């Protein structure tokens, strides 16, 4: 078993698989609604990108949950892949986590600018979004790349070659190499890169965007309350109820409420992970920080799985689109099933009709053949030859009409 203690076994091994299934399904539904026809906006594209990050994160967590079950950790193929790809999976998790943090920051700032300066962000903002997303993905990928080269792993097989094990040494841990009577074989530039990269990642990938998200979310909540007061006053005025600008403001208000709920949930569930990531680098000991890391990772998975619930609870438009999509899928499935049944019935009816037609044609051919054979058979009749033409007694002789002769 790859779990270190019971807390990790319960949280990561038993509870996380259900959250992965729920979060994966919910984020797929989020993507189907956010990217539906006629619903493409800058906020929705950013939220869809966040859903993709959550899906990748949840899928990358599956091997870590599988490693807590006997049927997997005793399997040779699983152990072999797990011990070799473990740190690469952790690198992907760190990459996706940093990308999600910066995407949430971008979403929060976009909503804050959209609600405070609505005219300044209208022009070409949808076309700039892919460039922003690509820049975030590239930057966070470079920040977290050190995880792929941070450890020097040696693989050995035990139990008659049935259980592969890996012994991994951090490449800047010279004392670990000294215990094995070896010198550090890695170049100095790589050692320096791996030594300083975690601090750069922790600051720019976790700490800085988290702090900015906290400040931006507070400003967003404050602006939201001010806008709510304005809308409550303007709604009571008859001339504002039919005003298109007021309708646009109400729509922006609904979108901002949804974004505010998502950012608040993200802040609550992701902030502990950021502080744990910063603290673990300064804690010594072979098992140091294992329980805080397990709890922080569990909270991150919970946050990744709750976005669908937040969309449903905070957005009436999302609920309506989800209901319409579900209704359309069910009606399409019923229509497809009905057409399939009708097609099968038509095929069966055609087969029966063809069988009946073939049977009737066969009977007609059979009768026609019998009639022809009877008409071609010579007809034998009985005739009497007059006594005057015979010398002896009267004898009945069979004649053949078809031959035209008499005997």
Protein backbone atom coordinates (compact mmCIF):
# COMPACT_ATOMS: atom_id res chain seq x y z
CA UNK A 1 0.00 0.00 0.00
CA UNK A 2 1.35 3.43 -0.96
CA UNK A 3 -0.55 5.38 1.72
CA UNK A 4 1.54 6.77 4.57
CA UNK A 5 -1.15 6.93 7.28
CA UNK A 6 -4.83 6.32 7.89
CA UNK A 7 -5.81 9.94 7.22
CA UNK A 8 -4.42 9.75 3.70
CA UNK A 9 -5.98 6.31 3.24
CA UNK A 10 -9.46 7.59 4.15
CA UNK A 11 -9.34 10.92 2.32
CA UNK A 12 -7.43 10.02 -0.84
CA UNK A 13 -8.26 6.32 -1.07
CA UNK A 14 -11.92 6.16 -0.07
CA UNK A 15 -13.49 9.61 -0.50
CA UNK A 16 -11.63 11.11 -3.45
CA UNK A 17 -12.86 8.51 -6.04
CA UNK A 18 -16.48 9.55 -5.50
CA UNK A 19 -15.52 13.22 -5.75
CA UNK A 20 -13.62 12.51 -8.97
CA UNK A 21 -16.65 10.83 -10.53
CA UNK A 22 -19.00 13.61 -9.43
CA UNK A 23 -16.63 16.40 -10.43
CA UNK A 24 -15.79 14.86 -13.81
CA UNK A 25 -19.48 14.51 -14.71
CA UNK A 26 -20.33 17.99 -13.44
CA UNK A 27 -17.52 19.69 -15.35
CA UNK A 28 -18.53 17.91 -18.56
CA UNK A 29 -22.04 19.32 -18.10
CA UNK A 30 -20.51 22.75 -17.44
CA UNK A 31 -18.62 22.55 -20.72
CA UNK A 32 -21.73 21.51 -22.65
CA UNK A 33 -23.63 24.54 -21.31
CA UNK A 34 -20.86 27.14 -21.41
CA UNK A 35 -19.82 26.29 -24.97
CA UNK A 36 -23.32 25.80 -26.36
CA UNK A 37 -24.40 27.68 -29.47
CA UNK A 38 -25.19 31.33 -28.83
CA UNK A 39 -23.58 31.27 -25.38
CA UNK A 40 -19.97 32.12 -26.27
CA UNK A 41 -18.75 35.06 -24.20
CA UNK A 42 -15.41 35.94 -22.68
CA UNK A 43 -16.54 34.93 -19.20
CA UNK A 44 -17.91 31.62 -20.46
CA UNK A 45 -14.70 30.83 -22.37
CA UNK A 46 -12.63 31.47 -19.26
CA UNK A 47 -15.01 29.40 -17.13
CA UNK A 48 -14.87 26.60 -19.71
CA UNK A 49 -11.06 26.69 -19.58
CA UNK A 50 -11.28 26.42 -15.80
CA UNK A 51 -13.56 23.38 -16.20
CA UNK A 52 -10.98 21.76 -18.51
CA UNK A 53 -8.28 22.33 -15.90
CA UNK A 54 -10.49 20.76 -13.25
CA UNK A 55 -11.11 17.71 -15.45
CA UNK A 56 -7.38 17.22 -16.08
CA UNK A 57 -6.67 17.60 -12.36
CA UNK A 58 -9.32 15.05 -11.37
CA UNK A 59 -8.15 12.54 -13.98
CA UNK A 60 -4.55 12.94 -12.80
CA UNK A 61 -5.66 12.14 -9.25
CA UNK A 62 -7.01 8.71 -10.24
CA UNK A 63 -3.65 6.83 -10.02
CA UNK A 64 -3.02 8.25 -6.54
CA UNK A 65 -6.40 6.94 -5.38
CA UNK A 66 -5.89 3.57 -7.08
CA UNK A 67 -2.57 3.14 -5.26
CA UNK A 68 -4.46 2.72 -1.97
CA UNK A 69 -6.15 -0.52 -3.07
CA UNK A 70 -4.53 -3.92 -2.82
CA UNK A 71 -5.74 -5.09 -6.22
CA UNK A 72 -3.74 -2.28 -7.84
CA UNK A 73 -0.64 -1.80 -5.71
CA UNK A 74 0.18 -5.53 -5.96
CA UNK A 75 -0.29 -5.52 -9.72
CA UNK A 76 3.03 -5.51 -11.55
CA UNK A 77 1.96 -3.31 -14.47
CA UNK A 78 0.39 -0.70 -12.18
CA UNK A 79 3.39 -0.60 -9.84
CA UNK A 80 5.81 -0.34 -12.73
CA UNK A 81 3.97 2.62 -14.27
CA UNK A 82 3.24 4.26 -10.93
CA UNK A 83 6.82 4.30 -9.62
CA UNK A 84 8.09 5.67 -12.94
CA UNK A 85 5.36 8.26 -13.62
CA UNK A 86 4.58 9.35 -10.06
CA UNK A 87 6.58 12.58 -10.11
CA UNK A 88 5.45 13.42 -13.64
CA UNK A 89 1.82 13.14 -12.48
CA UNK A 90 2.65 15.42 -9.57
CA UNK A 91 4.15 17.88 -12.04
CA UNK A 92 0.93 17.83 -14.07
CA UNK A 93 -1.10 18.41 -10.90
CA UNK A 94 1.04 21.41 -9.96
CA UNK A 95 0.84 22.75 -13.50
CA UNK A 96 -2.95 22.45 -13.66
CA UNK A 97 -3.36 23.91 -10.17
CA UNK A 98 -1.29 26.98 -11.02
CA UNK A 99 -3.18 27.38 -14.30
CA UNK A 100 -6.50 27.21 -12.46
CA UNK A 101 -5.38 29.85 -9.95
CA UNK A 102 -4.39 32.27 -12.70
CA UNK A 103 -7.59 31.55 -14.63
CA UNK A 104 -9.67 32.30 -11.54
CA UNK A 105 -7.71 35.53 -11.10
CA UNK A 106 -8.38 36.44 -14.74
CA UNK A 107 -12.09 35.64 -14.38
CA UNK A 108 -12.34 37.73 -11.23
CA UNK A 109 -10.54 40.71 -12.78
CA UNK A 110 -12.61 40.42 -15.97
CA UNK A 111 -15.85 40.54 -13.98
CA UNK A 112 -14.56 43.35 -11.80
CA UNK A 113 -13.64 45.45 -14.85
CA UNK A 114 -16.84 44.46 -16.62
CA UNK A 115 -19.05 45.60 -13.78
CA UNK A 116 -17.09 48.76 -12.91
CA UNK A 117 -16.11 49.83 -16.45
CA UNK A 118 -18.62 48.11 -18.75
CA UNK A 119 -17.73 50.11 -21.88
CA UNK A 120 -13.97 49.61 -21.71
CA UNK A 121 -13.98 45.81 -22.13
CA UNK A 122 -16.53 45.34 -24.90
CA UNK A 123 -14.32 45.70 -27.97
CA UNK A 124 -12.68 42.52 -29.27
CA UNK A 125 -12.54 40.97 -25.82
CA UNK A 126 -13.67 37.54 -27.03
CA UNK A 127 -10.86 37.38 -29.61
CA UNK A 128 -8.21 38.27 -27.00
CA UNK A 129 -9.26 35.47 -24.65
CA UNK A 130 -7.41 32.58 -26.39
CA UNK A 131 -4.19 34.60 -26.27
CA UNK A 132 -4.64 35.18 -22.54
CA UNK A 133 -5.36 31.50 -21.90
CA UNK A 134 -2.36 30.38 -23.97
CA UNK A 135 -0.12 32.81 -22.09
CA UNK A 136 -1.33 31.50 -18.72
CA UNK A 137 -0.83 27.86 -19.71
CA UNK A 138 2.68 28.55 -21.04
CA UNK A 139 3.75 30.57 -18.01
CA UNK A 140 2.51 28.04 -15.45
CA UNK A 141 4.01 25.18 -17.45
CA UNK A 142 7.43 26.82 -17.29
CA UNK A 143 7.02 27.52 -13.56
CA UNK A 144 6.18 23.88 -12.75
CA UNK A 145 8.53 22.16 -15.20
CA UNK A 146 11.18 21.60 -12.52
CA UNK A 147 9.05 18.78 -11.09
CA UNK A 148 9.91 16.59 -14.08
CA UNK A 149 13.67 16.70 -13.35
CA UNK A 150 13.77 17.25 -9.58
CA UNK A 151 14.31 13.59 -8.59
CA UNK A 152 16.80 10.93 -9.54
CA UNK A 153 14.96 7.60 -9.30
CA UNK A 154 16.39 4.10 -9.34
CA UNK A 155 14.08 1.14 -9.94
CA UNK A 156 14.59 -2.31 -8.45
CA UNK A 157 12.44 -5.44 -8.61
CA UNK A 158 11.80 -7.68 -5.61
CA UNK A 159 9.79 -10.84 -4.86
CA UNK A 160 11.20 -12.73 -7.84
CA UNK A 161 10.67 -9.77 -10.13
CA UNK A 162 6.98 -9.37 -9.27
CA UNK A 163 7.11 -6.08 -7.34
CA UNK A 164 9.06 -3.11 -8.76
CA UNK A 165 10.17 -0.49 -6.24
CA UNK A 166 11.71 2.93 -6.77
CA UNK A 167 14.21 4.82 -4.64
CA UNK A 168 14.12 8.52 -5.48
CA UNK A 169 16.68 11.10 -4.40
CA UNK A 170 16.29 14.83 -4.79
CA UNK A 171 19.06 15.93 -7.12
CA UNK A 172 20.34 18.62 -4.73
CA UNK A 173 20.46 16.21 -1.74
CA UNK A 174 24.21 15.60 -1.68
CA UNK A 175 24.00 13.82 1.67
CA UNK A 176 21.77 11.12 0.17
CA UNK A 177 24.33 10.44 -2.54
CA UNK A 178 27.06 10.39 0.12
CA UNK A 179 25.22 7.66 2.02
CA UNK A 180 25.48 5.51 -1.11
CA UNK A 181 29.18 6.31 -1.48
CA UNK A 182 28.49 8.31 -4.63
CA UNK A 183 28.97 11.87 -5.72
CA UNK A 184 26.15 13.91 -7.16
CA UNK A 185 26.22 13.13 -10.92
CA UNK A 186 23.98 16.07 -11.92
CA UNK A 187 25.43 19.30 -13.40
CA UNK A 188 25.56 22.36 -11.20
CA UNK A 189 23.17 24.43 -13.34
CA UNK A 190 20.49 21.73 -13.01
CA UNK A 191 21.01 21.54 -9.24
CA UNK A 192 20.64 25.32 -8.96
CA UNK A 193 17.57 25.30 -11.21
CA UNK A 194 15.83 22.63 -9.12
CA UNK A 195 16.89 24.33 -5.89
CA UNK A 196 15.37 27.73 -6.69
CA UNK A 197 12.45 26.77 -8.93
CA UNK A 198 10.14 25.61 -6.08
CA UNK A 199 10.45 29.03 -4.42
CA UNK A 200 9.71 30.81 -7.70
CA UNK A 201 6.75 28.50 -8.33
CA UNK A 202 5.42 28.94 -4.79
CA UNK A 203 5.53 32.73 -5.08
CA UNK A 204 4.36 33.32 -8.66
CA UNK A 205 2.26 30.17 -9.08
CA UNK A 206 0.54 30.03 -5.69
CA UNK A 207 1.10 32.90 -3.26
CA UNK A 208 0.88 35.98 -5.50
CA UNK A 209 -2.22 34.97 -7.52
CA UNK A 210 -3.95 33.74 -4.35
CA UNK A 211 -3.44 37.08 -2.61
CA UNK A 212 -4.62 38.98 -5.68
CA UNK A 213 -7.66 36.69 -5.92
CA UNK A 214 -8.52 37.43 -2.28
CA UNK A 215 -8.30 41.18 -2.85
CA UNK A 216 -10.15 41.05 -6.18
CA UNK A 217 -12.89 38.88 -4.72
CA UNK A 218 -13.37 41.32 -1.85
CA UNK A 219 -13.64 44.20 -4.33
CA UNK A 220 -16.01 42.15 -6.46
CA UNK A 221 -18.29 41.44 -3.51
CA UNK A 222 -18.26 45.12 -2.54
CA UNK A 223 -19.05 46.21 -6.11
CA UNK A 224 -21.76 43.57 -6.30
CA UNK A 225 -23.48 44.95 -3.23
CA UNK A 226 -23.30 48.50 -4.58
CA UNK A 227 -24.75 47.39 -7.91
CA UNK A 228 -27.49 45.48 -6.08
CA UNK A 229 -28.57 48.67 -4.32
CA UNK A 230 -28.61 50.55 -7.62
CA UNK A 231 -30.69 47.86 -9.31
CA UNK A 232 -33.16 47.70 -6.44
CA UNK A 233 -33.72 51.45 -6.75
CA UNK A 234 -33.91 51.49 -10.55
CA UNK A 235 -36.29 48.54 -10.69
CA UNK A 236 -38.92 50.48 -8.77
CA UNK A 237 -38.93 53.18 -11.45
CA UNK A 238 -41.34 52.39 -14.33
CA UNK A 239 -39.15 53.97 -17.01
CA UNK A 240 -36.18 51.79 -16.00
CA UNK A 241 -38.03 48.48 -16.13
CA UNK A 242 -38.22 48.56 -19.93
CA UNK A 243 -34.81 50.16 -20.42
CA UNK A 244 -32.35 47.99 -22.36
CA UNK A 245 -29.41 49.31 -20.34
CA UNK A 246 -31.08 48.24 -17.11
CA UNK A 247 -31.71 44.78 -18.54
CA UNK A 248 -28.04 44.54 -19.51
CA UNK A 249 -27.03 45.58 -16.01
CA UNK A 250 -29.24 42.90 -14.50
CA UNK A 251 -27.69 40.30 -16.80
CA UNK A 252 -24.20 41.43 -15.83
CA UNK A 253 -25.28 41.24 -12.21
CA UNK A 254 -26.33 37.60 -12.56
CA UNK A 255 -23.06 36.63 -14.24
CA UNK A 256 -21.10 38.43 -11.53
CA UNK A 257 -22.99 36.57 -8.80
CA UNK A 258 -22.03 33.24 -10.39
CA UNK A 259 -18.40 34.27 -10.75
CA UNK A 260 -18.33 35.57 -7.20
CA UNK A 261 -19.64 32.24 -5.88
CA UNK A 262 -17.03 30.27 -7.84
CA UNK A 263 -14.17 32.54 -6.79
CA UNK A 264 -15.25 32.42 -3.14
CA UNK A 265 -15.41 28.62 -3.17
CA UNK A 266 -12.05 28.48 -4.92
CA UNK A 267 -10.51 30.77 -2.32
CA UNK A 268 -11.80 28.68 0.59
CA UNK A 269 -10.72 25.33 -0.85
CA UNK A 270 -7.43 26.30 -2.56
CA UNK A 271 -5.85 28.76 -0.13
CA UNK A 272 -4.87 26.08 2.45
CA UNK A 273 -3.09 24.14 -0.29
CA UNK A 274 -1.07 27.22 -1.21
CA UNK A 275 0.11 27.81 2.34
CA UNK A 276 0.90 24.11 2.83
CA UNK A 277 2.94 24.14 -0.38
CA UNK A 278 4.92 27.09 0.94
CA UNK A 279 5.40 25.58 4.40
CA UNK A 280 6.39 22.05 3.37
CA UNK A 281 9.54 23.32 1.67
CA UNK A 282 10.83 24.59 5.01
CA UNK A 283 9.85 21.55 7.12
CA UNK A 284 12.44 18.84 7.64
CA UNK A 285 11.81 15.17 8.23
CA UNK A 286 10.97 12.16 6.06
CA UNK A 287 7.25 12.21 6.94
CA UNK A 288 6.88 15.92 7.60
CA UNK A 289 3.75 17.59 6.36
CA UNK A 290 2.09 14.38 5.13
CA UNK A 291 -1.21 14.87 6.97
CA UNK A 292 -1.51 18.61 6.11
CA UNK A 293 -0.77 17.79 2.48
CA UNK A 294 -3.42 15.04 2.43
CA UNK A 295 -6.03 17.39 3.92
CA UNK A 296 -5.07 20.22 1.56
CA UNK A 297 -5.22 17.93 -1.49
CA UNK A 298 -8.62 16.65 -0.39
CA UNK A 299 -9.94 20.21 -0.10
CA UNK A 300 -8.60 20.98 -3.57
CA UNK A 301 -10.48 17.99 -5.02
CA UNK A 302 -13.64 19.12 -3.21
CA UNK A 303 -13.28 22.57 -4.77
CA UNK A 304 -12.78 21.10 -8.24
CA UNK A 305 -15.96 19.03 -7.83
CA UNK A 306 -18.26 21.79 -6.58
CA UNK A 307 -18.28 24.09 -9.61
CA UNK A 308 -21.29 22.35 -11.14
CA UNK A 309 -23.24 22.73 -7.88
CA UNK A 310 -22.28 26.41 -7.70
CA UNK A 311 -23.44 27.00 -11.27
CA UNK A 312 -26.79 25.35 -10.54
CA UNK A 313 -27.34 27.25 -7.30
CA UNK A 314 -26.25 30.71 -8.44
CA UNK A 315 -27.34 30.93 -12.10
CA UNK A 316 -30.94 30.74 -13.24
CA UNK A 317 -29.83 30.91 -16.86
CA UNK A 318 -27.54 27.91 -16.33
CA UNK A 319 -30.39 25.89 -14.80
CA UNK A 320 -32.68 26.76 -17.70
CA UNK A 321 -30.09 25.80 -20.30
CA UNK A 322 -29.32 22.58 -18.44
CA UNK A 323 -33.02 21.71 -18.34
CA UNK A 324 -33.44 22.47 -22.05
CA UNK A 325 -30.33 20.45 -22.93
CA UNK A 326 -31.49 17.48 -20.86
CA UNK A 327 -34.98 17.67 -22.36
CA UNK A 328 -33.56 17.85 -25.90
CA UNK A 329 -31.28 14.87 -25.27
CA UNK A 330 -34.12 12.79 -23.82
CA UNK A 331 -36.51 13.69 -26.65
CA UNK A 332 -33.81 12.91 -29.22
CA UNK A 333 -33.18 9.57 -27.55
CA UNK A 334 -36.90 8.76 -27.51
CA UNK A 335 -37.23 9.81 -31.15
CA UNK A 336 -34.25 7.69 -32.12
CA UNK A 337 -35.66 4.74 -30.24
CA UNK A 338 -39.09 5.20 -31.86
CA UNK A 339 -37.53 5.43 -35.32
CA UNK A 340 -35.50 2.31 -34.59
CA UNK A 341 -38.63 0.42 -33.52
CA UNK A 342 -40.52 1.65 -36.60
CA UNK A 343 -37.63 0.65 -38.83
CA UNK A 344 -37.49 -2.80 -37.29
CA UNK A 345 -41.27 -3.17 -37.66
CA UNK A 346 -41.11 -2.03 -41.29
CA UNK A 347 -38.28 -4.44 -42.00
CA UNK A 348 -40.16 -7.30 -40.35
CA UNK A 349 -43.35 -6.45 -42.26
CA UNK A 350 -41.44 -6.27 -45.53
CA UNK A 351 -39.83 -9.62 -44.80
CA UNK A 352 -43.21 -11.19 -44.07
CA UNK A 353 -44.75 -9.68 -47.21
CA UNK A 354 -41.83 -10.86 -49.32
CA UNK A 355 -42.15 -14.31 -47.81
CA UNK A 356 -45.88 -14.40 -48.53
CA UNK A 357 -45.31 -13.11 -52.08
CA UNK A 358 -42.63 -15.70 -52.72
CA UNK A 359 -44.89 -18.42 -51.34
CA UNK A 360 -47.79 -17.30 -53.54
CA UNK A 361 -45.52 -17.12 -56.59
CA UNK A 362 -44.24 -20.58 -55.81
CA UNK A 363 -47.80 -21.95 -55.56
CA UNK A 364 -48.76 -20.27 -58.86
CA UNK A 365 -45.70 -21.71 -60.57
CA UNK A 366 -46.44 -25.09 -59.07
CA UNK A 367 -50.06 -25.03 -60.33
CA UNK A 368 -48.96 -23.74 -63.73
CA UNK A 369 -46.38 -26.51 -63.98
CA UNK A 370 -48.95 -29.11 -63.00
CA UNK A 371 -51.41 -27.77 -65.60
CA UNK A 372 -48.79 -27.85 -68.33
CA UNK A 373 -47.77 -31.41 -67.45
CA UNK A 374 -51.39 -32.56 -67.53
CA UNK A 375 -52.01 -30.91 -70.89
CA UNK A 376 -48.95 -32.62 -72.37
CA UNK A 377 -49.95 -36.12 -71.14
CA UNK A 378 -51.67 -38.27 -73.85
CA UNK A 379 -55.36 -38.81 -73.13
CA UNK A 380 -56.39 -42.43 -73.30
CA UNK A 381 -60.02 -43.08 -74.38
CA UNK A 382 -62.07 -46.17 -75.00
CA UNK A 383 -63.62 -46.68 -78.39
CA UNK A 384 -65.61 -49.57 -79.92
CA UNK A 385 -64.92 -50.90 -83.35
CA UNK A 386 -68.12 -51.74 -85.19
CA UNK A 387 -68.84 -55.39 -85.64
CA UNK A 388 -69.22 -54.85 -89.27
CA UNK A 389 -65.54 -54.07 -89.55
CA UNK A 390 -64.43 -57.12 -87.65
CA UNK A 391 -64.55 -60.72 -88.54
CA UNK A 392 -64.55 -62.08 -85.04
CA UNK A 393 -66.22 -61.17 -81.86
CA UNK A 394 -66.63 -57.66 -80.61
CA UNK A 395 -63.38 -56.55 -78.88
CA UNK A 396 -62.85 -53.29 -76.98
CA UNK A 397 -59.55 -51.76 -77.95
CA UNK A 398 -57.77 -48.74 -76.45
CA UNK A 399 -56.85 -46.09 -78.94
CA UNK A 400 -54.66 -43.02 -78.66
CA UNK A 401 -56.25 -39.77 -79.84
CA UNK A 402 -52.97 -38.07 -80.23
CA UNK A 403 -51.71 -40.66 -82.70
CA UNK A 404 -54.86 -40.51 -84.81
CA UNK A 405 -54.65 -44.23 -85.61
CA UNK A 406 -56.71 -47.20 -84.63
CA UNK A 407 -55.65 -50.71 -83.94
